């Protein structure tokens, strides 16, 4: 019998103003990072995890000012708890999907088989069944477009539209601090570009743009953070793999 998690979320303090929140009992391969940035006038939450336990309740002891929530894209592991919050933002290309709870575009529909029961080392609550998993609609979400600014008072994050993994994938970039939140556009693992809403040519164009960022630290949607050199390494690795010359039999 699968045990119940004593507490679904955990968090680590990365800097004085940055926390990484995680869902440790969910499969590490798909487990998304949830980033909390503390600002002077407002705080920023980048992504919201699966939505199988109350993220808002967990954050209550960490928050002391208004919270702005940005979904890097609409996939279930990043948008699951968006519905719990008042100020929620997502790129215009995926705004309707989040507002309406489009389980297909969220990859939460059973046909995609992305959320099997076996991915849960422990359950969030006793009655939980992955076969009944759905992402709640978030009708209060607002549209973001390329170039918009998420202002925290002492920090300002530019919205960079980076389609490819999905049509509405974005990154958030603080020019002053050289801090980049990349969502699923780039992370230190296999980049997924064959999903229903993926376009490889768009993906290549998007990651090529990252070579111009003066990002001293990148905080991705999955796995560990890394510096500018490793960002460039990952980008070039992806580009080279996708642009590899065809072998003679394929020409």
Protein backbone atom coordinates (compact mmCIF):
# COMPACT_ATOMS: atom_id res chain seq x y z
CA UNK A 1 0.00 0.00 0.00
CA UNK A 2 1.36 3.43 -0.97
CA UNK A 3 1.95 5.70 2.02
CA UNK A 4 0.55 9.21 2.41
CA UNK A 5 3.07 12.07 2.24
CA UNK A 6 3.48 13.76 5.64
CA UNK A 7 3.85 17.07 3.79
CA UNK A 8 3.56 17.34 0.04
CA UNK A 9 5.88 20.33 -0.53
CA UNK A 10 9.38 21.19 0.63
CA UNK A 11 11.52 24.24 -0.06
CA UNK A 12 15.15 25.33 -0.16
CA UNK A 13 16.47 28.86 0.23
CA UNK A 14 18.78 29.53 -2.72
CA UNK A 15 19.44 33.22 -2.00
CA UNK A 16 18.03 35.65 0.55
CA UNK A 17 15.30 36.50 -1.97
CA UNK A 18 14.92 33.19 -3.84
CA UNK A 19 13.33 29.89 -2.82
CA UNK A 20 12.91 26.65 -4.75
CA UNK A 21 9.77 24.72 -3.84
CA UNK A 22 9.48 21.06 -4.77
CA UNK A 23 7.11 18.09 -4.69
CA UNK A 24 9.56 15.43 -3.45
CA UNK A 25 7.21 12.44 -3.59
CA UNK A 26 6.52 12.87 -7.30
CA UNK A 27 8.74 11.23 -9.91
CA UNK A 28 12.01 13.19 -10.18
CA UNK A 29 12.03 12.97 -14.00
CA UNK A 30 8.84 15.02 -14.34
CA UNK A 31 9.06 16.91 -11.06
CA UNK A 32 8.95 20.65 -11.77
CA UNK A 33 10.68 23.42 -9.88
CA UNK A 34 8.46 26.09 -8.35
CA UNK A 35 10.37 29.35 -7.86
CA UNK A 36 9.49 32.04 -5.31
CA UNK A 37 11.21 35.41 -5.74
CA UNK A 38 10.89 37.93 -2.91
CA UNK A 39 10.53 41.54 -4.04
CA UNK A 40 10.18 44.88 -2.27
CA UNK A 41 6.58 45.56 -3.24
CA UNK A 42 5.42 42.13 -4.43
CA UNK A 43 6.61 38.55 -4.64
CA UNK A 44 6.76 36.40 -7.77
CA UNK A 45 5.89 32.73 -8.09
CA UNK A 46 7.15 31.06 -11.26
CA UNK A 47 5.04 27.94 -11.93
CA UNK A 48 2.78 26.11 -9.52
CA UNK A 49 3.39 22.36 -9.72
CA UNK A 50 0.82 19.59 -10.06
CA UNK A 51 -2.06 21.05 -8.07
CA UNK A 52 -2.62 17.87 -6.00
CA UNK A 53 -2.14 19.72 -2.69
CA UNK A 54 -2.72 23.34 -1.70
CA UNK A 55 0.31 25.37 -2.69
CA UNK A 56 -1.35 28.55 -1.44
CA UNK A 57 -1.66 27.10 2.04
CA UNK A 58 1.94 25.89 2.02
CA UNK A 59 3.19 29.35 1.00
CA UNK A 60 1.23 31.19 3.67
CA UNK A 61 4.18 31.28 6.08
CA UNK A 62 6.57 32.51 3.36
CA UNK A 63 4.49 35.40 2.03
CA UNK A 64 4.03 38.87 3.50
CA UNK A 65 3.09 40.93 0.43
CA UNK A 66 1.03 40.65 -2.77
CA UNK A 67 1.91 37.67 -4.97
CA UNK A 68 2.17 37.60 -8.76
CA UNK A 69 1.99 34.11 -10.26
CA UNK A 70 3.42 33.41 -13.72
CA UNK A 71 3.04 30.07 -15.48
CA UNK A 72 5.98 29.51 -17.80
CA UNK A 73 3.59 27.41 -19.90
CA UNK A 74 0.32 25.54 -19.51
CA UNK A 75 1.55 21.94 -19.01
CA UNK A 76 0.10 20.22 -15.94
CA UNK A 77 3.32 20.07 -13.92
CA UNK A 78 3.70 23.86 -14.15
CA UNK A 79 0.12 25.14 -13.99
CA UNK A 80 -1.60 22.75 -11.58
CA UNK A 81 -2.14 25.18 -8.69
CA UNK A 82 -2.68 28.38 -10.68
CA UNK A 83 -6.39 28.33 -9.86
CA UNK A 84 -5.62 28.97 -6.17
CA UNK A 85 -4.21 32.45 -6.74
CA UNK A 86 -5.69 35.85 -7.65
CA UNK A 87 -2.97 37.42 -9.83
CA UNK A 88 -2.08 34.80 -12.43
CA UNK A 89 -0.36 35.41 -15.77
CA UNK A 90 0.39 33.23 -18.80
CA UNK A 91 1.36 33.91 -22.42
CA UNK A 92 -1.52 34.83 -24.69
CA UNK A 93 -1.03 31.69 -26.82
CA UNK A 94 -1.98 29.47 -23.86
CA UNK A 95 -4.28 31.85 -22.00
CA UNK A 96 -7.51 30.23 -23.21
CA UNK A 97 -6.22 26.75 -22.34
CA UNK A 98 -5.46 27.77 -18.75
CA UNK A 99 -8.69 29.72 -18.30
CA UNK A 100 -10.80 26.82 -19.60
CA UNK A 101 -8.81 23.96 -18.08
CA UNK A 102 -7.94 22.37 -21.44
CA UNK A 103 -6.70 18.97 -20.22
CA UNK A 104 -5.38 18.07 -23.68
CA UNK A 105 -3.09 21.09 -24.08
CA UNK A 106 -2.12 20.74 -20.41
CA UNK A 107 -1.06 17.13 -21.21
CA UNK A 108 -3.21 16.02 -18.28
CA UNK A 109 -5.73 14.08 -20.36
CA UNK A 110 -5.48 10.28 -19.83
CA UNK A 111 -4.65 9.74 -23.51
CA UNK A 112 -1.21 11.31 -22.95
CA UNK A 113 -0.38 8.95 -20.04
CA UNK A 114 1.86 11.55 -18.41
CA UNK A 115 0.46 11.10 -14.88
CA UNK A 116 0.47 7.40 -13.93
CA UNK A 117 -0.07 6.27 -10.34
CA UNK A 118 3.45 4.78 -10.34
CA UNK A 119 4.94 8.30 -10.54
CA UNK A 120 3.81 8.95 -6.97
CA UNK A 121 6.20 7.55 -4.37
CA UNK A 122 3.69 8.69 -1.74
CA UNK A 123 0.20 10.06 -2.21
CA UNK A 124 -0.84 13.66 -1.48
CA UNK A 125 -3.97 12.41 0.32
CA UNK A 126 -5.62 9.06 1.01
CA UNK A 127 -8.28 9.19 -1.74
CA UNK A 128 -5.90 10.35 -4.48
CA UNK A 129 -6.09 8.47 -7.78
CA UNK A 130 -3.94 9.46 -10.74
CA UNK A 131 -6.61 8.11 -13.09
CA UNK A 132 -8.90 10.90 -11.89
CA UNK A 133 -6.27 13.64 -12.02
CA UNK A 134 -7.31 16.91 -13.64
CA UNK A 135 -5.90 20.44 -13.64
CA UNK A 136 -8.46 22.98 -12.44
CA UNK A 137 -9.36 25.83 -14.77
CA UNK A 138 -8.02 29.27 -13.89
CA UNK A 139 -10.51 31.76 -15.39
CA UNK A 140 -8.90 34.72 -13.58
CA UNK A 141 -5.62 34.36 -15.51
CA UNK A 142 -4.39 37.38 -17.47
CA UNK A 143 -2.53 37.42 -20.79
CA UNK A 144 1.18 38.06 -21.13
CA UNK A 145 2.95 39.07 -24.32
CA UNK A 146 6.59 39.26 -25.34
CA UNK A 147 8.24 42.30 -23.78
CA UNK A 148 5.83 42.69 -20.87
CA UNK A 149 7.39 43.45 -17.49
CA UNK A 150 6.65 41.76 -14.17
CA UNK A 151 7.49 44.51 -11.67
CA UNK A 152 8.29 43.64 -8.05
CA UNK A 153 9.44 47.14 -7.09
CA UNK A 154 13.15 46.45 -6.77
CA UNK A 155 13.21 43.77 -9.48
CA UNK A 156 11.78 43.74 -12.99
CA UNK A 157 11.42 40.61 -15.09
CA UNK A 158 11.01 40.87 -18.85
CA UNK A 159 8.73 38.32 -20.49
CA UNK A 160 10.53 36.59 -23.37
CA UNK A 161 8.33 34.49 -25.65
CA UNK A 162 10.26 31.32 -26.49
CA UNK A 163 7.96 28.90 -28.35
CA UNK A 164 8.99 25.42 -29.38
CA UNK A 165 8.40 23.19 -26.37
CA UNK A 166 4.91 24.66 -26.46
CA UNK A 167 3.40 27.60 -28.33
CA UNK A 168 3.15 29.77 -25.22
CA UNK A 169 6.43 28.92 -23.51
CA UNK A 170 8.16 31.92 -21.95
CA UNK A 171 11.20 32.85 -19.93
CA UNK A 172 11.51 35.63 -17.35
CA UNK A 173 14.70 37.71 -17.39
CA UNK A 174 15.94 40.25 -14.87
CA UNK A 175 18.47 42.31 -16.85
CA UNK A 176 19.87 44.03 -13.77
CA UNK A 177 20.58 40.85 -11.81
CA UNK A 178 21.33 38.63 -14.80
CA UNK A 179 18.76 36.15 -13.51
CA UNK A 180 16.78 34.00 -15.94
CA UNK A 181 13.84 31.68 -15.24
CA UNK A 182 13.67 29.40 -18.26
CA UNK A 183 10.65 27.18 -17.65
CA UNK A 184 10.94 24.16 -19.95
CA UNK A 185 12.72 26.03 -22.74
CA UNK A 186 16.07 24.84 -21.43
CA UNK A 187 17.11 22.65 -18.51
CA UNK A 188 19.89 20.15 -17.83
CA UNK A 189 18.13 17.11 -19.30
CA UNK A 190 16.38 15.87 -22.42
CA UNK A 191 14.48 18.77 -23.99
CA UNK A 192 11.03 17.68 -25.15
CA UNK A 193 10.16 18.88 -28.64
CA UNK A 194 7.78 16.19 -29.92
CA UNK A 195 4.76 17.02 -27.78
CA UNK A 196 1.39 17.85 -29.41
CA UNK A 197 2.08 21.61 -29.34
CA UNK A 198 5.82 21.44 -30.05
CA UNK A 199 7.52 22.89 -33.14
CA UNK A 200 11.20 22.03 -33.53
CA UNK A 201 12.04 24.91 -35.88
CA UNK A 202 10.53 27.35 -33.38
CA UNK A 203 12.46 25.66 -30.59
CA UNK A 204 15.77 26.12 -32.42
CA UNK A 205 15.03 29.80 -33.04
CA UNK A 206 14.07 30.30 -29.39
CA UNK A 207 17.16 28.71 -27.87
CA UNK A 208 19.43 30.54 -30.32
CA UNK A 209 18.13 33.78 -28.78
CA UNK A 210 19.34 32.65 -25.37
CA UNK A 211 22.95 32.91 -26.52
CA UNK A 212 22.54 36.70 -26.42
CA UNK A 213 21.30 36.79 -22.82
CA UNK A 214 23.74 37.97 -20.19
CA UNK A 215 22.26 35.50 -17.74
CA UNK A 216 24.62 34.85 -14.85
CA UNK A 217 22.28 32.24 -13.40
CA UNK A 218 19.49 30.23 -15.01
CA UNK A 219 16.76 28.68 -12.88
CA UNK A 220 14.95 26.10 -15.03
CA UNK A 221 11.63 24.33 -14.80
CA UNK A 222 13.32 21.04 -13.95
CA UNK A 223 16.49 19.86 -12.24
CA UNK A 224 19.41 22.05 -11.15
CA UNK A 225 20.27 25.69 -11.78
CA UNK A 226 23.36 26.63 -13.79
CA UNK A 227 25.60 29.48 -14.93
CA UNK A 228 25.97 31.21 -18.30
CA UNK A 229 28.63 28.83 -19.60
CA UNK A 230 26.41 25.82 -18.98
CA UNK A 231 23.41 27.60 -20.48
CA UNK A 232 25.41 28.12 -23.67
CA UNK A 233 26.58 24.49 -23.57
CA UNK A 234 23.01 23.18 -23.34
CA UNK A 235 21.77 25.51 -26.08
CA UNK A 236 24.56 24.58 -28.47
CA UNK A 237 24.10 20.90 -27.70
CA UNK A 238 20.44 21.10 -28.68
CA UNK A 239 21.09 23.16 -31.82
CA UNK A 240 23.87 20.84 -32.99
CA UNK A 241 21.69 17.78 -32.44
CA UNK A 242 18.79 19.23 -34.42
CA UNK A 243 20.95 20.66 -37.18
CA UNK A 244 23.16 17.61 -37.56
CA UNK A 245 23.88 16.83 -41.23
CA UNK A 246 21.92 13.98 -42.75
CA UNK A 247 23.75 10.71 -43.36
CA UNK A 248 24.13 9.69 -47.06
CA UNK A 249 21.13 7.34 -46.94
CA UNK A 250 18.92 10.25 -45.84
CA UNK A 251 20.08 12.77 -48.41
